């Protein structure tokens, strides 16, 4: 699995539309969902700069992603062009290989720590 990380700086007043486009059921996920190698997108907003976002696109492989981009280039380019009106900057930060995934267990409700008694 690979993840493509992209940074966007969105124009003031366009955050809502940008989030709708990248959110569940948005134009981005609808376009990529047609590829069997695409696994999803994560949208992150910077806590200190609310106009700055990261997207993380998860793919089975770079080969499947590249093949899909070649086959759907005109639709992809049109989608990117539609984001140009809403963004000040867009930069692909890199392609990262997934080496490991972790799971965080939720805290138990009412859990008490056990203490051993010293004798």
PDB file of N, CA and C in Angstrom:
ATOM      1  N   UNK A   1       0.837  -1.172   0.000  1.00  0.00           N
ATOM      2  CA  UNK A   1       0.000   0.000   0.000  1.00  0.00           C
ATOM      3  C   UNK A   1       0.887   1.243   0.000  1.00  0.00           C
ATOM      4  N   UNK A   2       0.394   2.265  -0.659  1.00  0.00           N
ATOM      5  CA  UNK A   2       1.083   3.558  -0.674  1.00  0.00           C
ATOM      6  C   UNK A   2       0.092   4.650  -0.303  1.00  0.00           C
ATOM      7  N   UNK A   3       0.630   5.753   0.176  1.00  0.00           N
ATOM      8  CA  UNK A   3      -0.175   6.919   0.494  1.00  0.00           C
ATOM      9  C   UNK A   3       0.442   8.135  -0.180  1.00  0.00           C
ATOM     10  N   UNK A   4      -0.403   8.890  -0.868  1.00  0.00           N
ATOM     11  CA  UNK A   4       0.023  10.126  -1.527  1.00  0.00           C
ATOM     12  C   UNK A   4      -0.417  11.268  -0.624  1.00  0.00           C
ATOM     13  N   UNK A   5       0.538  12.072  -0.161  1.00  0.00           N
ATOM     14  CA  UNK A   5       0.232  13.173   0.757  1.00  0.00           C
ATOM     15  C   UNK A   5       0.357  14.487  -0.012  1.00  0.00           C
ATOM     16  N   UNK A   6      -0.728  15.266   0.010  1.00  0.00           N
ATOM     17  CA  UNK A   6      -0.771  16.535  -0.709  1.00  0.00           C
ATOM     18  C   UNK A   6      -1.189  17.642   0.243  1.00  0.00           C
ATOM     19  N   UNK A   7      -0.528  18.789   0.120  1.00  0.00           N
ATOM     20  CA  UNK A   7      -0.858  19.963   0.933  1.00  0.00           C
ATOM     21  C   UNK A   7      -1.624  20.963   0.066  1.00  0.00           C
ATOM     22  N   UNK A   8      -2.706  21.502   0.631  1.00  0.00           N
ATOM     23  CA  UNK A   8      -3.487  22.542  -0.023  1.00  0.00           C
ATOM     24  C   UNK A   8      -3.583  23.734   0.914  1.00  0.00           C
ATOM     25  N   UNK A   9      -3.455  24.932   0.356  1.00  0.00           N
ATOM     26  CA  UNK A   9      -3.780  26.155   1.076  1.00  0.00           C
ATOM     27  C   UNK A   9      -5.007  26.713   0.358  1.00  0.00           C
ATOM     28  N   UNK A  10      -6.107  26.764   1.081  1.00  0.00           N
ATOM     29  CA  UNK A  10      -7.399  27.121   0.508  1.00  0.00           C
ATOM     30  C   UNK A  10      -7.659  28.615   0.710  1.00  0.00           C
ATOM     31  N   UNK A  11      -8.248  29.244  -0.286  1.00  0.00           N
ATOM     32  CA  UNK A  11      -8.586  30.659  -0.193  1.00  0.00           C
ATOM     33  C   UNK A  11      -9.640  30.874   0.894  1.00  0.00           C
ATOM     34  N   UNK A  12      -9.526  32.008   1.572  1.00  0.00           N
ATOM     35  CA  UNK A  12     -10.515  32.345   2.608  1.00  0.00           C
ATOM     36  C   UNK A  12     -11.901  32.368   1.980  1.00  0.00           C
ATOM     37  N   UNK A  13     -12.850  31.827   2.684  1.00  0.00           N
ATOM     38  CA  UNK A  13     -14.219  31.771   2.198  1.00  0.00           C
ATOM     39  C   UNK A  13     -14.526  30.547   1.353  1.00  0.00           C
ATOM     40  N   UNK A  14     -13.511  29.758   1.011  1.00  0.00           N
ATOM     41  CA  UNK A  14     -13.725  28.573   0.174  1.00  0.00           C
ATOM     42  C   UNK A  14     -13.526  27.261   0.933  1.00  0.00           C
ATOM     43  N   UNK A  15     -13.314  27.351   2.249  1.00  0.00           N
ATOM     44  CA  UNK A  15     -13.073  26.141   3.035  1.00  0.00           C
ATOM     45  C   UNK A  15     -14.240  25.158   2.962  1.00  0.00           C
ATOM     46  N   UNK A  16     -15.455  25.642   3.098  1.00  0.00           N
ATOM     47  CA  UNK A  16     -16.626  24.768   3.083  1.00  0.00           C
ATOM     48  C   UNK A  16     -16.735  23.975   1.789  1.00  0.00           C
ATOM     49  N   UNK A  17     -16.593  24.657   0.664  1.00  0.00           N
ATOM     50  CA  UNK A  17     -16.669  23.978  -0.633  1.00  0.00           C
ATOM     51  C   UNK A  17     -15.526  22.988  -0.809  1.00  0.00           C
ATOM     52  N   UNK A  18     -14.344  23.379  -0.359  1.00  0.00           N
ATOM     53  CA  UNK A  18     -13.195  22.480  -0.453  1.00  0.00           C
ATOM     54  C   UNK A  18     -13.450  21.221   0.360  1.00  0.00           C
ATOM     55  N   UNK A  19     -13.936  21.375   1.583  1.00  0.00           N
ATOM     56  CA  UNK A  19     -14.199  20.226   2.444  1.00  0.00           C
ATOM     57  C   UNK A  19     -15.286  19.330   1.856  1.00  0.00           C
ATOM     58  N   UNK A  20     -16.308  19.910   1.245  1.00  0.00           N
ATOM     59  CA  UNK A  20     -17.346  19.108   0.602  1.00  0.00           C
ATOM     60  C   UNK A  20     -16.778  18.311  -0.576  1.00  0.00           C
ATOM     61  N   UNK A  21     -15.888  18.922  -1.332  1.00  0.00           N
ATOM     62  CA  UNK A  21     -15.296  18.248  -2.487  1.00  0.00           C
ATOM     63  C   UNK A  21     -14.419  17.078  -2.080  1.00  0.00           C
ATOM     64  N   UNK A  22     -13.706  17.217  -0.961  1.00  0.00           N
ATOM     65  CA  UNK A  22     -12.802  16.166  -0.498  1.00  0.00           C
ATOM     66  C   UNK A  22     -13.431  15.227   0.518  1.00  0.00           C
ATOM     67  N   UNK A  23     -14.565  15.602   1.070  1.00  0.00           N
ATOM     68  CA  UNK A  23     -15.204  14.780   2.086  1.00  0.00           C
ATOM     69  C   UNK A  23     -15.876  13.552   1.499  1.00  0.00           C
ATOM     70  N   UNK A  24     -16.492  12.745   2.357  1.00  0.00           N
ATOM     71  CA  UNK A  24     -17.191  11.538   1.903  1.00  0.00           C
ATOM     72  C   UNK A  24     -18.268  11.893   0.869  1.00  0.00           C
ATOM     73  N   UNK A  25     -18.247  11.196  -0.248  1.00  0.00           N
ATOM     74  CA  UNK A  25     -19.219  11.461  -1.300  1.00  0.00           C
ATOM     75  C   UNK A  25     -18.905  12.671  -2.152  1.00  0.00           C
ATOM     76  N   UNK A  26     -17.767  13.322  -1.894  1.00  0.00           N
ATOM     77  CA  UNK A  26     -17.368  14.490  -2.672  1.00  0.00           C
ATOM     78  C   UNK A  26     -16.803  14.106  -4.028  1.00  0.00           C
ATOM     79  N   UNK A  27     -16.549  15.110  -4.839  1.00  0.00           N
ATOM     80  CA  UNK A  27     -16.068  14.898  -6.206  1.00  0.00           C
ATOM     81  C   UNK A  27     -14.778  14.087  -6.258  1.00  0.00           C
ATOM     82  N   UNK A  28     -13.873  14.324  -5.314  1.00  0.00           N
ATOM     83  CA  UNK A  28     -12.588  13.625  -5.309  1.00  0.00           C
ATOM     84  C   UNK A  28     -12.786  12.122  -5.113  1.00  0.00           C
ATOM     85  N   UNK A  29     -13.503  11.753  -4.050  1.00  0.00           N
ATOM     86  CA  UNK A  29     -13.677  10.323  -3.770  1.00  0.00           C
ATOM     87  C   UNK A  29     -14.558   9.649  -4.825  1.00  0.00           C
ATOM     88  N   UNK A  30     -15.534  10.362  -5.375  1.00  0.00           N
ATOM     89  CA  UNK A  30     -16.366   9.772  -6.419  1.00  0.00           C
ATOM     90  C   UNK A  30     -15.554   9.441  -7.667  1.00  0.00           C
ATOM     91  N   UNK A  31     -14.641  10.329  -8.031  1.00  0.00           N
ATOM     92  CA  UNK A  31     -13.815  10.077  -9.213  1.00  0.00           C
ATOM     93  C   UNK A  31     -12.883   8.889  -8.976  1.00  0.00           C
ATOM     94  N   UNK A  32     -12.179   8.890  -7.876  1.00  0.00           N
ATOM     95  CA  UNK A  32     -11.213   7.826  -7.610  1.00  0.00           C
ATOM     96  C   UNK A  32     -11.865   6.491  -7.242  1.00  0.00           C
ATOM     97  N   UNK A  33     -13.077   6.527  -6.721  1.00  0.00           N
ATOM     98  CA  UNK A  33     -13.742   5.297  -6.281  1.00  0.00           C
ATOM     99  C   UNK A  33     -13.936   4.300  -7.424  1.00  0.00           C
ATOM    100  N   UNK A  34     -13.881   4.758  -8.642  1.00  0.00           N
ATOM    101  CA  UNK A  34     -14.022   3.859  -9.795  1.00  0.00           C
ATOM    102  C   UNK A  34     -12.793   2.993 -10.019  1.00  0.00           C
ATOM    103  N   UNK A  35     -11.704   3.300  -9.352  1.00  0.00           N
ATOM    104  CA  UNK A  35     -10.489   2.504  -9.507  1.00  0.00           C
ATOM    105  C   UNK A  35     -10.452   1.393  -8.460  1.00  0.00           C
ATOM    106  N   UNK A  36     -10.241   0.148  -8.894  1.00  0.00           N
ATOM    107  CA  UNK A  36     -10.173  -0.944  -7.914  1.00  0.00           C
ATOM    108  C   UNK A  36      -8.951  -0.842  -6.996  1.00  0.00           C
ATOM    109  N   UNK A  37      -7.949  -0.054  -7.366  1.00  0.00           N
ATOM    110  CA  UNK A  37      -6.753   0.083  -6.545  1.00  0.00           C
ATOM    111  C   UNK A  37      -6.820   1.197  -5.513  1.00  0.00           C
ATOM    112  N   UNK A  38      -7.874   2.014  -5.569  1.00  0.00           N
ATOM    113  CA  UNK A  38      -8.020   3.136  -4.643  1.00  0.00           C
ATOM    114  C   UNK A  38      -8.718   2.665  -3.377  1.00  0.00           C
ATOM    115  N   UNK A  39      -8.177   3.046  -2.218  1.00  0.00           N
ATOM    116  CA  UNK A  39      -8.724   2.593  -0.937  1.00  0.00           C
ATOM    117  C   UNK A  39      -9.357   3.708  -0.114  1.00  0.00           C
ATOM    118  N   UNK A  40      -9.161   4.963  -0.473  1.00  0.00           N
ATOM    119  CA  UNK A  40      -9.810   6.038   0.260  1.00  0.00           C
ATOM    120  C   UNK A  40      -8.939   7.267   0.426  1.00  0.00           C
ATOM    121  N   UNK A  41      -9.569   8.313   0.941  1.00  0.00           N
ATOM    122  CA  UNK A  41      -8.896   9.589   1.176  1.00  0.00           C
ATOM    123  C   UNK A  41      -9.151  10.037   2.606  1.00  0.00           C
ATOM    124  N   UNK A  42      -8.114  10.563   3.231  1.00  0.00           N
ATOM    125  CA  UNK A  42      -8.243  11.201   4.538  1.00  0.00           C
ATOM    126  C   UNK A  42      -8.010  12.690   4.327  1.00  0.00           C
ATOM    127  N   UNK A  43      -8.886  13.510   4.902  1.00  0.00           N
ATOM    128  CA  UNK A  43      -8.767  14.967   4.808  1.00  0.00           C
ATOM    129  C   UNK A  43      -8.445  15.501   6.193  1.00  0.00           C
ATOM    130  N   UNK A  44      -7.356  16.251   6.300  1.00  0.00           N
ATOM    131  CA  UNK A  44      -6.914  16.823   7.568  1.00  0.00           C
ATOM    132  C   UNK A  44      -6.854  18.342   7.442  1.00  0.00           C
ATOM    133  N   UNK A  45      -7.334  19.058   8.477  1.00  0.00           N
ATOM    134  CA  UNK A  45      -7.222  20.519   8.510  1.00  0.00           C
ATOM    135  C   UNK A  45      -6.266  20.901   9.622  1.00  0.00           C
ATOM    136  N   UNK A  46      -5.372  21.817   9.337  1.00  0.00           N
ATOM    137  CA  UNK A  46      -4.374  22.290  10.292  1.00  0.00           C
ATOM    138  C   UNK A  46      -5.077  22.992  11.453  1.00  0.00           C
ATOM    139  N   UNK A  47      -4.694  22.668  12.668  1.00  0.00           N
ATOM    140  CA  UNK A  47      -5.293  23.280  13.864  1.00  0.00           C
ATOM    141  C   UNK A  47      -4.894  24.743  14.040  1.00  0.00           C
ATOM    142  N   UNK A  48      -3.735  25.127  13.523  1.00  0.00           N
ATOM    143  CA  UNK A  48      -3.254  26.499  13.705  1.00  0.00           C
ATOM    144  C   UNK A  48      -3.522  27.393  12.499  1.00  0.00           C
ATOM    145  N   UNK A  49      -3.676  26.803  11.316  1.00  0.00           N
ATOM    146  CA  UNK A  49      -3.954  27.553  10.094  1.00  0.00           C
ATOM    147  C   UNK A  49      -5.140  26.882   9.413  1.00  0.00           C
ATOM    148  N   UNK A  50      -6.339  27.405   9.643  1.00  0.00           N
ATOM    149  CA  UNK A  50      -7.555  26.740   9.178  1.00  0.00           C
ATOM    150  C   UNK A  50      -7.723  26.753   7.657  1.00  0.00           C
ATOM    151  N   UNK A  51      -6.843  27.414   6.936  1.00  0.00           N
ATOM    152  CA  UNK A  51      -6.882  27.391   5.473  1.00  0.00           C
ATOM    153  C   UNK A  51      -5.908  26.370   4.889  1.00  0.00           C
ATOM    154  N   UNK A  52      -5.192  25.664   5.755  1.00  0.00           N
ATOM    155  CA  UNK A  52      -4.200  24.678   5.308  1.00  0.00           C
ATOM    156  C   UNK A  52      -4.730  23.265   5.557  1.00  0.00           C
ATOM    157  N   UNK A  53      -4.645  22.430   4.525  1.00  0.00           N
ATOM    158  CA  UNK A  53      -5.137  21.057   4.588  1.00  0.00           C
ATOM    159  C   UNK A  53      -4.080  20.083   4.074  1.00  0.00           C
ATOM    160  N   UNK A  54      -4.172  18.860   4.557  1.00  0.00           N
ATOM    161  CA  UNK A  54      -3.435  17.744   3.977  1.00  0.00           C
ATOM    162  C   UNK A  54      -4.460  16.717   3.538  1.00  0.00           C
ATOM    163  N   UNK A  55      -4.199  16.110   2.395  1.00  0.00           N
ATOM    164  CA  UNK A  55      -5.001  14.965   1.969  1.00  0.00           C
ATOM    165  C   UNK A  55      -4.060  13.774   1.880  1.00  0.00           C
ATOM    166  N   UNK A  56      -4.589  12.622   2.236  1.00  0.00           N
ATOM    167  CA  UNK A  56      -3.822  11.382   2.153  1.00  0.00           C
ATOM    168  C   UNK A  56      -4.661  10.395   1.354  1.00  0.00           C
ATOM    169  N   UNK A  57      -4.200  10.077   0.158  1.00  0.00           N
ATOM    170  CA  UNK A  57      -4.888   9.127  -0.712  1.00  0.00           C
ATOM    171  C   UNK A  57      -4.210   7.771  -0.588  1.00  0.00           C
ATOM    172  N   UNK A  58      -4.982   6.754  -0.271  1.00  0.00           N
ATOM    173  CA  UNK A  58      -4.461   5.409  -0.061  1.00  0.00           C
ATOM    174  C   UNK A  58      -4.728   4.554  -1.300  1.00  0.00           C
ATOM    175  N   UNK A  59      -3.658   3.966  -1.839  1.00  0.00           N
ATOM    176  CA  UNK A  59      -3.728   3.118  -3.028  1.00  0.00           C
ATOM    177  C   UNK A  59      -3.056   1.773  -2.740  1.00  0.00           C
ATOM    178  N   UNK A  60      -3.487   0.745  -3.458  1.00  0.00           N
ATOM    179  CA  UNK A  60      -2.849  -0.563  -3.330  1.00  0.00           C
ATOM    180  C   UNK A  60      -1.394  -0.520  -3.798  1.00  0.00           C
ATOM    181  N   UNK A  61      -1.135   0.227  -4.883  1.00  0.00           N
ATOM    182  CA  UNK A  61       0.240   0.321  -5.396  1.00  0.00           C
ATOM    183  C   UNK A  61       0.383   1.564  -6.269  1.00  0.00           C
ATOM    184  N   UNK A  62       1.614   1.988  -6.452  1.00  0.00           N
ATOM    185  CA  UNK A  62       1.903   3.118  -7.336  1.00  0.00           C
ATOM    186  C   UNK A  62       1.580   2.742  -8.780  1.00  0.00           C
ATOM    187  N   UNK A  63       1.782   1.489  -9.144  1.00  0.00           N
ATOM    188  CA  UNK A  63       1.481   1.027 -10.503  1.00  0.00           C
ATOM    189  C   UNK A  63      -0.001   1.193 -10.826  1.00  0.00           C
ATOM    190  N   UNK A  64      -0.877   0.763  -9.910  1.00  0.00           N
ATOM    191  CA  UNK A  64      -2.318   0.909 -10.126  1.00  0.00           C
ATOM    192  C   UNK A  64      -2.724   2.378 -10.191  1.00  0.00           C
ATOM    193  N   UNK A  65      -2.119   3.205  -9.352  1.00  0.00           N
ATOM    194  CA  UNK A  65      -2.424   4.634  -9.361  1.00  0.00           C
ATOM    195  C   UNK A  65      -2.007   5.263 -10.687  1.00  0.00           C
ATOM    196  N   UNK A  66      -0.788   4.969 -11.134  1.00  0.00           N
ATOM    197  CA  UNK A  66      -0.276   5.537 -12.387  1.00  0.00           C
ATOM    198  C   UNK A  66      -1.131   5.091 -13.574  1.00  0.00           C
ATOM    199  N   UNK A  67      -1.509   3.825 -13.585  1.00  0.00           N
ATOM    200  CA  UNK A  67      -2.355   3.306 -14.659  1.00  0.00           C
ATOM    201  C   UNK A  67      -3.699   4.020 -14.675  1.00  0.00           C
ATOM    202  N   UNK A  68      -4.292   4.213 -13.506  1.00  0.00           N
ATOM    203  CA  UNK A  68      -5.582   4.886 -13.416  1.00  0.00           C
ATOM    204  C   UNK A  68      -5.462   6.330 -13.904  1.00  0.00           C
ATOM    205  N   UNK A  69      -4.383   7.018 -13.516  1.00  0.00           N
ATOM    206  CA  UNK A  69      -4.193   8.410 -13.935  1.00  0.00           C
ATOM    207  C   UNK A  69      -4.054   8.532 -15.447  1.00  0.00           C
ATOM    208  N   UNK A  70      -3.380   7.577 -16.078  1.00  0.00           N
ATOM    209  CA  UNK A  70      -3.248   7.597 -17.538  1.00  0.00           C
ATOM    210  C   UNK A  70      -4.615   7.404 -18.192  1.00  0.00           C
ATOM    211  N   UNK A  71      -5.378   6.444 -17.682  1.00  0.00           N
ATOM    212  CA  UNK A  71      -6.678   6.120 -18.274  1.00  0.00           C
ATOM    213  C   UNK A  71      -7.735   7.201 -18.027  1.00  0.00           C
ATOM    214  N   UNK A  72      -7.581   7.980 -16.964  1.00  0.00           N
ATOM    215  CA  UNK A  72      -8.586   8.972 -16.581  1.00  0.00           C
ATOM    216  C   UNK A  72      -8.008  10.380 -16.506  1.00  0.00           C
ATOM    217  N   UNK A  73      -6.970  10.638 -17.283  1.00  0.00           N
ATOM    218  CA  UNK A  73      -6.248  11.893 -17.192  1.00  0.00           C
ATOM    219  C   UNK A  73      -7.127  13.119 -17.417  1.00  0.00           C
ATOM    220  N   UNK A  74      -8.004  13.094 -18.412  1.00  0.00           N
ATOM    221  CA  UNK A  74      -8.812  14.290 -18.701  1.00  0.00           C
ATOM    222  C   UNK A  74      -9.761  14.606 -17.551  1.00  0.00           C
ATOM    223  N   UNK A  75     -10.376  13.580 -16.952  1.00  0.00           N
ATOM    224  CA  UNK A  75     -11.272  13.815 -15.811  1.00  0.00           C
ATOM    225  C   UNK A  75     -10.491  14.300 -14.594  1.00  0.00           C
ATOM    226  N   UNK A  76      -9.309  13.718 -14.383  1.00  0.00           N
ATOM    227  CA  UNK A  76      -8.471  14.128 -13.257  1.00  0.00           C
ATOM    228  C   UNK A  76      -8.021  15.572 -13.420  1.00  0.00           C
ATOM    229  N   UNK A  77      -7.570  15.932 -14.606  1.00  0.00           N
ATOM    230  CA  UNK A  77      -7.122  17.306 -14.860  1.00  0.00           C
ATOM    231  C   UNK A  77      -8.270  18.305 -14.690  1.00  0.00           C
ATOM    232  N   UNK A  78      -9.463  17.930 -15.099  1.00  0.00           N
ATOM    233  CA  UNK A  78     -10.623  18.812 -14.934  1.00  0.00           C
ATOM    234  C   UNK A  78     -10.932  19.014 -13.448  1.00  0.00           C
ATOM    235  N   UNK A  79     -10.814  17.955 -12.676  1.00  0.00           N
ATOM    236  CA  UNK A  79     -11.062  18.065 -11.240  1.00  0.00           C
ATOM    237  C   UNK A  79     -10.017  18.964 -10.580  1.00  0.00           C
ATOM    238  N   UNK A  80      -8.754  18.768 -10.927  1.00  0.00           N
ATOM    239  CA  UNK A  80      -7.680  19.613 -10.385  1.00  0.00           C
ATOM    240  C   UNK A  80      -7.931  21.076 -10.769  1.00  0.00           C
ATOM    241  N   UNK A  81      -8.340  21.320 -12.003  1.00  0.00           N
ATOM    242  CA  UNK A  81      -8.617  22.695 -12.447  1.00  0.00           C
ATOM    243  C   UNK A  81      -9.745  23.315 -11.626  1.00  0.00           C
ATOM    244  N   UNK A  82     -10.739  22.520 -11.246  1.00  0.00           N
ATOM    245  CA  UNK A  82     -11.837  23.068 -10.445  1.00  0.00           C
ATOM    246  C   UNK A  82     -11.369  23.473  -9.053  1.00  0.00           C
ATOM    247  N   UNK A  83     -10.320  22.820  -8.547  1.00  0.00           N
ATOM    248  CA  UNK A  83      -9.769  23.187  -7.244  1.00  0.00           C
ATOM    249  C   UNK A  83      -8.910  24.447  -7.328  1.00  0.00           C
ATOM    250  N   UNK A  84      -8.396  24.749  -8.493  1.00  0.00           N
ATOM    251  CA  UNK A  84      -7.523  25.904  -8.667  1.00  0.00           C
ATOM    252  C   UNK A  84      -8.211  27.199  -8.251  1.00  0.00           C
ATOM    253  N   UNK A  85      -9.513  27.305  -8.509  1.00  0.00           N
ATOM    254  CA  UNK A  85     -10.254  28.505  -8.136  1.00  0.00           C
ATOM    255  C   UNK A  85     -10.395  28.653  -6.623  1.00  0.00           C
ATOM    256  N   UNK A  86     -10.302  27.554  -5.894  1.00  0.00           N
ATOM    257  CA  UNK A  86     -10.508  27.568  -4.444  1.00  0.00           C
ATOM    258  C   UNK A  86      -9.207  27.566  -3.638  1.00  0.00           C
ATOM    259  N   UNK A  87      -8.093  27.344  -4.306  1.00  0.00           N
ATOM    260  CA  UNK A  87      -6.839  27.190  -3.567  1.00  0.00           C
ATOM    261  C   UNK A  87      -5.808  28.249  -3.948  1.00  0.00           C
ATOM    262  N   UNK A  88      -4.976  28.570  -2.970  1.00  0.00           N
ATOM    263  CA  UNK A  88      -3.843  29.455  -3.213  1.00  0.00           C
ATOM    264  C   UNK A  88      -2.615  28.650  -3.603  1.00  0.00           C
ATOM    265  N   UNK A  89      -2.538  27.414  -3.085  1.00  0.00           N
ATOM    266  CA  UNK A  89      -1.381  26.568  -3.373  1.00  0.00           C
ATOM    267  C   UNK A  89      -1.757  25.097  -3.236  1.00  0.00           C
ATOM    268  N   UNK A  90      -1.084  24.276  -4.033  1.00  0.00           N
ATOM    269  CA  UNK A  90      -1.228  22.828  -3.958  1.00  0.00           C
ATOM    270  C   UNK A  90       0.151  22.233  -4.181  1.00  0.00           C
ATOM    271  N   UNK A  91       0.563  21.336  -3.282  1.00  0.00           N
ATOM    272  CA  UNK A  91       1.888  20.734  -3.416  1.00  0.00           C
ATOM    273  C   UNK A  91       1.817  19.274  -2.983  1.00  0.00           C
ATOM    274  N   UNK A  92       2.234  18.373  -3.867  1.00  0.00           N
ATOM    275  CA  UNK A  92       2.336  16.960  -3.499  1.00  0.00           C
ATOM    276  C   UNK A  92       3.587  16.826  -2.643  1.00  0.00           C
ATOM    277  N   UNK A  93       3.405  16.412  -1.389  1.00  0.00           N
ATOM    278  CA  UNK A  93       4.527  16.287  -0.453  1.00  0.00           C
ATOM    279  C   UNK A  93       5.293  14.993  -0.638  1.00  0.00           C
ATOM    280  N   UNK A  94       4.635  13.982  -1.204  1.00  0.00           N
ATOM    281  CA  UNK A  94       5.359  12.752  -1.476  1.00  0.00           C
ATOM    282  C   UNK A  94       4.469  11.531  -1.534  1.00  0.00           C
ATOM    283  N   UNK A  95       5.097  10.444  -1.955  1.00  0.00           N
ATOM    284  CA  UNK A  95       4.468   9.131  -1.987  1.00  0.00           C
ATOM    285  C   UNK A  95       5.152   8.299  -0.920  1.00  0.00           C
ATOM    286  N   UNK A  96       4.348   7.758  -0.016  1.00  0.00           N
ATOM    287  CA  UNK A  96       4.881   7.032   1.132  1.00  0.00           C
ATOM    288  C   UNK A  96       4.367   5.601   1.133  1.00  0.00           C
ATOM    289  N   UNK A  97       5.260   4.659   1.391  1.00  0.00           N
ATOM    290  CA  UNK A  97       4.885   3.257   1.491  1.00  0.00           C
ATOM    291  C   UNK A  97       4.436   2.970   2.912  1.00  0.00           C
ATOM    292  N   UNK A  98       3.316   2.281   3.047  1.00  0.00           N
ATOM    293  CA  UNK A  98       2.815   1.890   4.358  1.00  0.00           C
ATOM    294  C   UNK A  98       3.655   0.708   4.842  1.00  0.00           C
ATOM    295  N   UNK A  99       4.351   0.899   5.954  1.00  0.00           N
ATOM    296  CA  UNK A  99       5.191  -0.160   6.513  1.00  0.00           C
ATOM    297  C   UNK A  99       4.494  -0.900   7.642  1.00  0.00           C
ATOM    298  N   UNK A 100       3.669  -0.175   8.378  1.00  0.00           N
ATOM    299  CA  UNK A 100       2.960  -0.786   9.505  1.00  0.00           C
ATOM    300  C   UNK A 100       1.747   0.070   9.834  1.00  0.00           C
ATOM    301  N   UNK A 101       0.756  -0.570  10.392  1.00  0.00           N
ATOM    302  CA  UNK A 101      -0.432   0.142  10.854  1.00  0.00           C
ATOM    303  C   UNK A 101      -0.631  -0.204  12.317  1.00  0.00           C
ATOM    304  N   UNK A 102      -1.121   0.729  13.077  1.00  0.00           N
ATOM    305  CA  UNK A 102      -1.345   0.490  14.497  1.00  0.00           C
ATOM    306  C   UNK A 102      -2.806   0.675  14.848  1.00  0.00           C
ATOM    307  N   UNK A 103      -3.175   0.074  15.933  1.00  0.00           N
ATOM    308  CA  UNK A 103      -4.530   0.214  16.445  1.00  0.00           C
ATOM    309  C   UNK A 103      -4.445   0.767  17.849  1.00  0.00           C
ATOM    310  N   UNK A 104      -5.249   1.758  18.122  1.00  0.00           N
ATOM    311  CA  UNK A 104      -5.297   2.338  19.460  1.00  0.00           C
ATOM    312  C   UNK A 104      -6.541   1.793  20.128  1.00  0.00           C
ATOM    313  N   UNK A 105      -6.360   1.225  21.294  1.00  0.00           N
ATOM    314  CA  UNK A 105      -7.506   0.707  22.039  1.00  0.00           C
ATOM    315  C   UNK A 105      -8.148   1.834  22.835  1.00  0.00           C
ATOM    316  N   UNK A 106      -9.481   1.886  22.828  1.00  0.00           N
ATOM    317  CA  UNK A 106     -10.149   2.923  23.627  1.00  0.00           C
ATOM    318  C   UNK A 106      -9.977   2.637  25.110  1.00  0.00           C
ATOM    319  N   UNK A 107      -9.993   3.697  25.897  1.00  0.00           N
ATOM    320  CA  UNK A 107      -9.908   3.538  27.342  1.00  0.00           C
ATOM    321  C   UNK A 107     -11.172   2.857  27.831  1.00  0.00           C
ATOM    322  N   UNK A 108     -11.020   1.950  28.768  1.00  0.00           N
ATOM    323  CA  UNK A 108     -12.177   1.274  29.343  1.00  0.00           C
ATOM    324  C   UNK A 108     -12.895   2.215  30.288  1.00  0.00           C
ATOM    325  N   UNK A 109     -14.202   2.175  30.255  1.00  0.00           N
ATOM    326  CA  UNK A 109     -15.001   2.994  31.168  1.00  0.00           C
ATOM    327  C   UNK A 109     -15.024   2.294  32.520  1.00  0.00           C
ATOM    328  N   UNK A 110     -14.744   3.049  33.547  1.00  0.00           N
ATOM    329  CA  UNK A 110     -14.783   2.489  34.894  1.00  0.00           C
ATOM    330  C   UNK A 110     -13.636   1.544  35.206  1.00  0.00           C
ATOM    331  N   UNK A 111     -12.598   1.556  34.388  1.00  0.00           N
ATOM    332  CA  UNK A 111     -11.457   0.670  34.607  1.00  0.00           C
ATOM    333  C   UNK A 111     -10.639   1.168  35.784  1.00  0.00           C
ATOM    334  N   UNK A 112     -10.364   0.277  36.705  1.00  0.00           N
ATOM    335  CA  UNK A 112      -9.505   0.614  37.838  1.00  0.00           C
ATOM    336  C   UNK A 112      -8.194  -0.123  37.689  1.00  0.00           C
ATOM    337  N   UNK A 113      -7.149   0.548  38.008  1.00  0.00           N
ATOM    338  CA  UNK A 113      -5.862  -0.128  37.926  1.00  0.00           C
ATOM    339  C   UNK A 113      -5.720  -1.080  39.109  1.00  0.00           C
ATOM    340  N   UNK A 114      -5.126  -2.216  38.849  1.00  0.00           N
ATOM    341  CA  UNK A 114      -4.897  -3.189  39.906  1.00  0.00           C
ATOM    342  C   UNK A 114      -3.559  -2.889  40.560  1.00  0.00           C
ATOM    343  N   UNK A 115      -3.575  -2.917  41.858  1.00  0.00           N
ATOM    344  CA  UNK A 115      -2.332  -2.721  42.569  1.00  0.00           C
ATOM    345  C   UNK A 115      -2.000  -4.011  43.306  1.00  0.00           C
ATOM    346  N   UNK A 116      -0.769  -4.376  43.205  1.00  0.00           N
ATOM    347  CA  UNK A 116      -0.359  -5.582  43.944  1.00  0.00           C
ATOM    348  C   UNK A 116       0.012  -5.188  45.352  1.00  0.00           C
ATOM    349  N   UNK A 117      -0.364  -6.009  46.274  1.00  0.00           N
ATOM    350  CA  UNK A 117      -0.065  -5.726  47.669  1.00  0.00           C
ATOM    351  C   UNK A 117       1.297  -6.260  48.007  1.00  0.00           C
ATOM    352  N   UNK A 118       2.045  -5.456  48.704  1.00  0.00           N
ATOM    353  CA  UNK A 118       3.368  -5.883  49.164  1.00  0.00           C
ATOM    354  C   UNK A 118       3.201  -6.625  50.469  1.00  0.00           C
ATOM    355  N   UNK A 119       3.939  -7.674  50.622  1.00  0.00           N
ATOM    356  CA  UNK A 119       3.898  -8.416  51.887  1.00  0.00           C
ATOM    357  C   UNK A 119       5.134  -8.234  52.649  1.00  0.00           C
TER     358      UNK A 119
END
